[in-house]
PDB file of N, CA and C in Angstrom:
ATOM      1  N   MET A   1      84.775 -43.201  33.021  1.00  0.00           N
ATOM      2  CA  MET A   1      85.065 -42.650  34.508  1.00  0.00           C
ATOM      3  C   MET A   1      83.546 -42.154  34.690  1.00  0.00           C
ATOM      4  N   LEU A   2      82.718 -41.865  33.740  1.00  0.00           N
ATOM      5  CA  LEU A   2      81.214 -41.425  33.966  1.00  0.00           C
ATOM      6  C   LEU A   2      80.680 -42.600  33.893  1.00  0.00           C
ATOM      7  N   LYS A   3      80.598 -43.545  33.729  1.00  0.00           N
ATOM      8  CA  LYS A   3      79.944 -44.925  34.103  1.00  0.00           C
ATOM      9  C   LYS A   3      79.941 -45.448  35.488  1.00  0.00           C
ATOM     10  N   VAL A   4      81.167 -45.260  36.192  1.00  0.00           N
ATOM     11  CA  VAL A   4      81.550 -45.803  37.166  1.00  0.00           C
ATOM     12  C   VAL A   4      80.877 -44.461  38.125  1.00  0.00           C
ATOM     13  N   PHE A   5      80.892 -43.815  37.880  1.00  0.00           N
ATOM     14  CA  PHE A   5      80.168 -42.411  38.893  1.00  0.00           C
ATOM     15  C   PHE A   5      79.157 -43.098  38.736  1.00  0.00           C
ATOM     16  N   ILE A   6      78.139 -42.996  37.574  1.00  0.00           N
ATOM     17  CA  ILE A   6      76.456 -43.126  37.593  1.00  0.00           C
ATOM     18  C   ILE A   6      75.934 -44.675  38.450  1.00  0.00           C
ATOM     19  N   ALA A   7      77.260 -45.539  37.934  1.00  0.00           N
ATOM     20  CA  ALA A   7      76.923 -46.776  38.861  1.00  0.00           C
ATOM     21  C   ALA A   7      76.716 -46.490  40.186  1.00  0.00           C
ATOM     22  N   ALA A   8      77.793 -45.797  40.869  1.00  0.00           N
ATOM     23  CA  ALA A   8      77.929 -45.667  42.551  1.00  0.00           C
ATOM     24  C   ALA A   8      76.810 -44.935  42.694  1.00  0.00           C
ATOM     25  N   PHE A   9      76.821 -44.014  42.303  1.00  0.00           N
ATOM     26  CA  PHE A   9      75.542 -43.239  42.448  1.00  0.00           C
ATOM     27  C   PHE A   9      73.805 -43.623  42.943  1.00  0.00           C
ATOM     28  N   VAL A  10      73.844 -44.301  41.218  1.00  0.00           N
ATOM     29  CA  VAL A  10      72.668 -45.284  41.686  1.00  0.00           C
ATOM     30  C   VAL A  10      72.675 -46.283  42.609  1.00  0.00           C
ATOM     31  N   PHE A  11      73.683 -46.880  42.942  1.00  0.00           N
ATOM     32  CA  PHE A  11      73.804 -47.643  44.312  1.00  0.00           C
ATOM     33  C   PHE A  11      73.665 -46.956  45.655  1.00  0.00           C
ATOM     34  N   PHE A  12      74.436 -45.910  45.585  1.00  0.00           N
ATOM     35  CA  PHE A  12      74.111 -45.189  46.796  1.00  0.00           C
ATOM     36  C   PHE A  12      72.774 -44.874  47.214  1.00  0.00           C
ATOM     37  N   LEU A  13      72.015 -44.267  46.275  1.00  0.00           N
ATOM     38  CA  LEU A  13      70.248 -44.121  45.866  1.00  0.00           C
ATOM     39  C   LEU A  13      69.426 -45.103  46.557  1.00  0.00           C
ATOM     40  N   LEU A  14      70.230 -46.187  45.567  1.00  0.00           N
ATOM     41  CA  LEU A  14      69.172 -47.732  46.086  1.00  0.00           C
ATOM     42  C   LEU A  14      69.490 -48.066  47.372  1.00  0.00           C
ATOM     43  N   ALA A  15      70.612 -47.470  48.402  1.00  0.00           N
ATOM     44  CA  ALA A  15      70.616 -47.938  49.639  1.00  0.00           C
ATOM     45  C   ALA A  15      70.085 -47.282  50.466  1.00  0.00           C
ATOM     46  N   PHE A  16      69.843 -46.013  50.358  1.00  0.00           N
ATOM     47  CA  PHE A  16      69.458 -44.867  50.965  1.00  0.00           C
ATOM     48  C   PHE A  16      67.721 -45.022  50.796  1.00  0.00           C
ATOM     49  N   ALA A  17      67.309 -45.727  49.550  1.00  0.00           N
ATOM     50  CA  ALA A  17      65.748 -45.586  49.437  1.00  0.00           C
ATOM     51  C   ALA A  17      65.403 -47.118  50.491  1.00  0.00           C
ATOM     52  N   GLY A  18      66.263 -48.270  50.208  1.00  0.00           N
ATOM     53  CA  GLY A  18      66.209 -49.092  51.519  1.00  0.00           C
ATOM     54  C   GLY A  18      65.904 -48.791  52.249  1.00  0.00           C
ATOM     55  N   MET A  19      67.186 -48.087  53.040  1.00  0.00           N
ATOM     56  CA  MET A  19      66.832 -47.782  54.422  1.00  0.00           C
ATOM     57  C   MET A  19      65.772 -47.228  55.072  1.00  0.00           C
ATOM     58  N   SER A  20      65.301 -46.042  53.592  1.00  0.00           N
ATOM     59  CA  SER A  20      64.389 -45.191  54.453  1.00  0.00           C
ATOM     60  C   SER A  20      62.592 -45.852  54.253  1.00  0.00           C
ATOM     61  N   LEU A  21      63.047 -46.950  53.365  1.00  0.00           N
ATOM     62  CA  LEU A  21      61.668 -47.665  53.024  1.00  0.00           C
ATOM     63  C   LEU A  21      61.642 -48.516  54.494  1.00  0.00           C
ATOM     64  N   GLY A  22      62.559 -49.253  54.924  1.00  0.00           N
ATOM     65  CA  GLY A  22      62.583 -49.655  56.083  1.00  0.00           C
ATOM     66  C   GLY A  22      62.271 -48.984  57.077  1.00  0.00           C
ATOM     67  N   TYR A  23      62.601 -47.487  57.174  1.00  0.00           N
ATOM     68  CA  TYR A  23      61.742 -46.968  58.463  1.00  0.00           C
ATOM     69  C   TYR A  23      60.372 -46.611  58.109  1.00  0.00           C
ATOM     70  N   MET A  24      60.184 -46.203  57.067  1.00  0.00           N
ATOM     71  CA  MET A  24      58.410 -45.900  57.259  1.00  0.00           C
ATOM     72  C   MET A  24      57.755 -47.138  57.362  1.00  0.00           C
ATOM     73  N   ILE A  25      58.268 -48.290  56.983  1.00  0.00           N
ATOM     74  CA  ILE A  25      57.641 -49.523  57.182  1.00  0.00           C
ATOM     75  C   ILE A  25      57.697 -50.085  58.963  1.00  0.00           C
ATOM     76  N   LYS A  26      58.421 -50.224  59.447  1.00  0.00           N
ATOM     77  CA  LYS A  26      59.013 -50.215  60.562  1.00  0.00           C
ATOM     78  C   LYS A  26      59.072 -49.353  61.788  1.00  0.00           C
ATOM     79  N   ARG A  27      58.953 -48.048  61.580  1.00  0.00           N
ATOM     80  CA  ARG A  27      59.163 -46.824  62.690  1.00  0.00           C
ATOM     81  C   ARG A  27      60.081 -46.896  62.934  1.00  0.00           C
ATOM     82  N   LYS A  28      61.047 -47.605  63.120  1.00  0.00           N
ATOM     83  CA  LYS A  28      62.489 -47.656  63.798  1.00  0.00           C
ATOM     84  C   LYS A  28      63.349 -47.138  63.718  1.00  0.00           C
ATOM     85  N   SER A  29      63.907 -45.841  64.449  1.00  0.00           N
ATOM     86  CA  SER A  29      65.145 -45.349  63.792  1.00  0.00           C
ATOM     87  C   SER A  29      66.601 -46.470  63.566  1.00  0.00           C
ATOM     88  N   ILE A  30      66.943 -45.629  62.724  1.00  0.00           N
ATOM     89  CA  ILE A  30      68.476 -46.687  62.624  1.00  0.00           C
ATOM     90  C   ILE A  30      69.341 -46.413  64.032  1.00  0.00           C
ATOM     91  N   GLN A  31      70.122 -47.781  64.251  1.00  0.00           N
ATOM     92  CA  GLN A  31      70.924 -47.465  65.741  1.00  0.00           C
ATOM     93  C   GLN A  31      72.195 -48.667  64.756  1.00  0.00           C
ATOM     94  N   GLY A  32      73.078 -48.220  65.813  1.00  0.00           N
ATOM     95  CA  GLY A  32      74.254 -49.316  65.795  1.00  0.00           C
ATOM     96  C   GLY A  32      74.268 -50.198  66.035  1.00  0.00           C
ATOM     97  N   SER A  33      75.350 -50.996  65.720  1.00  0.00           N
ATOM     98  CA  SER A  33      75.536 -52.628  66.360  1.00  0.00           C
ATOM     99  C   SER A  33      76.365 -52.625  67.449  1.00  0.00           C
ATOM    100  N   CYS A  34      76.840 -51.656  68.092  1.00  0.00           N
ATOM    101  CA  CYS A  34      77.303 -52.045  69.448  1.00  0.00           C
ATOM    102  C   CYS A  34      76.874 -51.557  70.914  1.00  0.00           C
ATOM    103  N   GLY A  35      75.328 -50.876  70.395  1.00  0.00           N
ATOM    104  CA  GLY A  35      74.960 -50.435  72.080  1.00  0.00           C
ATOM    105  C   GLY A  35      74.919 -49.188  71.982  1.00  0.00           C
ATOM    106  N   GLY A  36      75.566 -48.287  71.374  1.00  0.00           N
ATOM    107  CA  GLY A  36      75.506 -46.796  71.845  1.00  0.00           C
ATOM    108  C   GLY A  36      76.386 -46.847  72.987  1.00  0.00           C
ATOM    109  N   LEU A  37      76.106 -45.586  73.832  1.00  0.00           N
ATOM    110  CA  LEU A  37      76.603 -45.076  74.851  1.00  0.00           C
ATOM    111  C   LEU A  37      76.082 -45.688  76.296  1.00  0.00           C
ATOM    112  N   SER A  38      75.408 -46.231  75.838  1.00  0.00           N
ATOM    113  CA  SER A  38      74.797 -47.207  77.347  1.00  0.00           C
ATOM    114  C   SER A  38      75.557 -48.268  77.554  1.00  0.00           C
ATOM    115  N   SER A  39      76.471 -48.719  76.122  1.00  0.00           N
ATOM    116  CA  SER A  39      76.892 -50.114  76.767  1.00  0.00           C
ATOM    117  C   SER A  39      78.247 -49.632  77.472  1.00  0.00           C
ATOM    118  N   ILE A  40      78.654 -48.420  77.398  1.00  0.00           N
ATOM    119  CA  ILE A  40      80.079 -48.091  78.217  1.00  0.00           C
ATOM    120  C   ILE A  40      79.669 -47.569  79.917  1.00  0.00           C
ATOM    121  N   GLY A  41      78.071 -47.264  79.867  1.00  0.00           N
ATOM    122  CA  GLY A  41      78.037 -46.765  81.227  1.00  0.00           C
ATOM    123  C   GLY A  41      77.482 -45.566  81.450  1.00  0.00           C
ATOM    124  N   VAL A  42      77.176 -44.832  79.840  1.00  0.00           N
ATOM    125  CA  VAL A  42      77.078 -43.646  79.832  1.00  0.00           C
ATOM    126  C   VAL A  42      75.352 -43.314  79.818  1.00  0.00           C
ATOM    127  N   GLU A  43      74.411 -43.177  80.823  1.00  0.00           N
ATOM    128  CA  GLU A  43      72.941 -43.338  80.699  1.00  0.00           C
ATOM    129  C   GLU A  43      72.425 -42.175  79.697  1.00  0.00           C
ATOM    130  N   LYS A  44      72.918 -40.830  79.881  1.00  0.00           N
ATOM    131  CA  LYS A  44      72.640 -39.733  79.117  1.00  0.00           C
ATOM    132  C   LYS A  44      73.420 -39.042  78.225  1.00  0.00           C
ATOM    133  N   ILE A  45      72.940 -38.296  77.310  1.00  0.00           N
ATOM    134  CA  ILE A  45      73.939 -37.084  76.736  1.00  0.00           C
ATOM    135  C   ILE A  45      74.992 -36.748  77.259  1.00  0.00           C
ATOM    136  N   CYS A  46      74.569 -35.787  78.106  1.00  0.00           N
ATOM    137  CA  CYS A  46      75.176 -35.213  79.123  1.00  0.00           C
ATOM    138  C   CYS A  46      75.573 -35.574  80.546  1.00  0.00           C
ATOM    139  N   ASP A  47      76.456 -36.499  80.666  1.00  0.00           N
ATOM    140  CA  ASP A  47      76.521 -37.021  82.343  1.00  0.00           C
ATOM    141  C   ASP A  47      77.320 -36.183  83.015  1.00  0.00           C
ATOM    142  N   CYS A  48      76.767 -35.062  83.398  1.00  0.00           N
ATOM    143  CA  CYS A  48      77.432 -34.119  84.196  1.00  0.00           C
ATOM    144  C   CYS A  48      76.418 -34.551  85.491  1.00  0.00           C
ATOM    145  N   PRO A  49      76.935 -34.402  86.294  1.00  0.00           N
ATOM    146  CA  PRO A  49      75.806 -34.151  87.722  1.00  0.00           C
ATOM    147  C   PRO A  49      74.839 -33.308  87.596  1.00  0.00           C
ATOM    148  N   GLU A  50      75.619 -32.112  87.363  1.00  0.00           N
ATOM    149  CA  GLU A  50      74.725 -31.060  87.351  1.00  0.00           C
ATOM    150  C   GLU A  50      74.482 -29.900  86.108  1.00  0.00           C
ATOM    151  N   PRO A  51      73.663 -30.136  85.223  1.00  0.00           N
ATOM    152  CA  PRO A  51      73.698 -29.375  83.556  1.00  0.00           C
ATOM    153  C   PRO A  51      73.893 -28.149  84.074  1.00  0.00           C
ATOM    154  N   CYS A  52      74.449 -27.956  82.971  1.00  0.00           N
ATOM    155  CA  CYS A  52      75.278 -26.170  82.504  1.00  0.00           C
ATOM    156  C   CYS A  52      73.699 -25.555  82.490  1.00  0.00           C
ATOM    157  N   ASP A  53      73.609 -24.057  82.604  1.00  0.00           N
ATOM    158  CA  ASP A  53      72.701 -23.287  82.240  1.00  0.00           C
ATOM    159  C   ASP A  53      72.049 -23.379  81.185  1.00  0.00           C
ATOM    160  N   ALA A  54      73.138 -23.731  80.156  1.00  0.00           N
ATOM    161  CA  ALA A  54      71.687 -23.841  78.566  1.00  0.00           C
ATOM    162  C   ALA A  54      71.581 -24.997  78.315  1.00  0.00           C
ATOM    163  N   ARG A  55      71.805 -26.297  78.795  1.00  0.00           N
ATOM    164  CA  ARG A  55      71.303 -27.466  79.305  1.00  0.00           C
ATOM    165  C   ARG A  55      70.238 -27.247  79.649  1.00  0.00           C
ATOM    166  N   LYS A  56      69.783 -26.713  81.143  1.00  0.00           N
ATOM    167  CA  LYS A  56      68.328 -26.267  81.810  1.00  0.00           C
ATOM    168  C   LYS A  56      67.700 -25.597  81.203  1.00  0.00           C
ATOM    169  N   ARG A  57      67.891 -24.686  80.004  1.00  0.00           N
ATOM    170  CA  ARG A  57      67.030 -24.031  79.534  1.00  0.00           C
ATOM    171  C   ARG A  57      66.453 -24.691  78.349  1.00  0.00           C
ATOM    172  N   ARG A  58      67.557 -25.710  77.726  1.00  0.00           N
ATOM    173  CA  ARG A  58      67.180 -26.473  76.440  1.00  0.00           C
ATOM    174  C   ARG A  58      65.961 -27.060  76.919  1.00  0.00           C
ATOM    175  N   MET A  59      66.340 -28.206  77.880  1.00  0.00           N
ATOM    176  CA  MET A  59      65.448 -29.051  78.987  1.00  0.00           C
ATOM    177  C   MET A  59      63.998 -28.596  79.447  1.00  0.00           C
ATOM    178  N   ALA A  60      64.224 -27.187  79.782  1.00  0.00           N
ATOM    179  CA  ALA A  60      62.502 -26.601  80.164  1.00  0.00           C
ATOM    180  C   ALA A  60      62.309 -26.250  78.791  1.00  0.00           C
ATOM    181  N   ARG A  61      62.583 -25.756  77.577  1.00  0.00           N
ATOM    182  CA  ARG A  61      61.888 -25.373  76.249  1.00  0.00           C
ATOM    183  C   ARG A  61      61.617 -26.967  75.867  1.00  0.00           C
ATOM    184  N   GLU A  62      62.128 -27.980  76.084  1.00  0.00           N
ATOM    185  CA  GLU A  62      61.658 -28.975  75.321  1.00  0.00           C
ATOM    186  C   GLU A  62      60.485 -29.458  76.288  1.00  0.00           C
ATOM    187  N   ALA A  63      60.349 -29.199  77.751  1.00  0.00           N
ATOM    188  CA  ALA A  63      59.321 -29.698  78.609  1.00  0.00           C
ATOM    189  C   ALA A  63      58.203 -28.787  78.293  1.00  0.00           C
ATOM    190  N   VAL A  64      57.918 -27.879  77.753  1.00  0.00           N
ATOM    191  CA  VAL A  64      57.176 -27.180  77.135  1.00  0.00           C
ATOM    192  C   VAL A  64      56.264 -27.551  76.370  1.00  0.00           C
ATOM    193  N   ARG A  65      57.561 -27.841  74.660  1.00  0.00           N
ATOM    194  CA  ARG A  65      56.900 -28.232  73.972  1.00  0.00           C
ATOM    195  C   ARG A  65      56.400 -28.928  73.847  1.00  0.00           C
ATOM    196  N   GLN A  66      56.803 -30.113  75.004  1.00  0.00           N
ATOM    197  CA  GLN A  66      56.024 -31.703  74.863  1.00  0.00           C
ATOM    198  C   GLN A  66      54.534 -31.621  75.614  1.00  0.00           C
ATOM    199  N   VAL A  67      54.558 -30.640  76.497  1.00  0.00           N
ATOM    200  CA  VAL A  67      53.283 -30.007  77.101  1.00  0.00           C
ATOM    201  C   VAL A  67      52.088 -29.498  75.829  1.00  0.00           C
ATOM    202  N   GLN A  68      52.282 -28.655  75.254  1.00  0.00           N
ATOM    203  CA  GLN A  68      51.995 -28.167  74.285  1.00  0.00           C
ATOM    204  C   GLN A  68      51.793 -29.139  72.941  1.00  0.00           C
ATOM    205  N   LEU A  69      52.430 -30.273  73.059  1.00  0.00           N
ATOM    206  CA  LEU A  69      52.080 -31.205  71.660  1.00  0.00           C
ATOM    207  C   LEU A  69      50.995 -31.889  72.187  1.00  0.00           C
ATOM    208  N   GLU A  70      51.116 -32.635  73.546  1.00  0.00           N
ATOM    209  CA  GLU A  70      49.962 -33.071  73.980  1.00  0.00           C
ATOM    210  C   GLU A  70      48.766 -32.525  74.263  1.00  0.00           C
ATOM    211  N   LYS A  71      48.794 -31.554  74.526  1.00  0.00           N
ATOM    212  CA  LYS A  71      47.539 -30.691  74.653  1.00  0.00           C
ATOM    213  C   LYS A  71      47.117 -30.428  73.484  1.00  0.00           C
ATOM    214  N   HIS A  72      47.626 -30.412  72.163  1.00  0.00           N
ATOM    215  CA  HIS A  72      46.943 -30.511  71.160  1.00  0.00           C
ATOM    216  C   HIS A  72      46.907 -31.555  70.037  1.00  0.00           C
ATOM    217  N   ARG A  73      47.389 -32.739  70.590  1.00  0.00           N
ATOM    218  CA  ARG A  73      47.482 -33.764  69.757  1.00  0.00           C
ATOM    219  C   ARG A  73      45.995 -34.012  69.520  1.00  0.00           C
ATOM    220  N   ILE A  74      45.951 -34.817  68.421  1.00  0.00           N
ATOM    221  CA  ILE A  74      44.570 -35.157  67.344  1.00  0.00           C
ATOM    222  C   ILE A  74      44.008 -36.468  67.928  1.00  0.00           C
ATOM    223  N   ILE A  75      45.036 -37.309  67.779  1.00  0.00           N
ATOM    224  CA  ILE A  75      44.608 -38.624  68.381  1.00  0.00           C
ATOM    225  C   ILE A  75      44.665 -38.981  69.628  1.00  0.00           C
TER     226      ILE A  75
END
């Protein structure tokens, strides 16, 4: 029983190592094969015509963060 557990654990470690190596080499995130939400007509995560207040605050924080990242970018 312990040998099966160890073999399965090693198998999953190798699988995760392979996926991470692929990510580090290609710099492309893992994605599903079905095309995601855009294949069913949803263009964004929140498909509301008017975002809620929490979403607006989050979007404002993200915009400020993006400006700061661009401002302090080295390359």
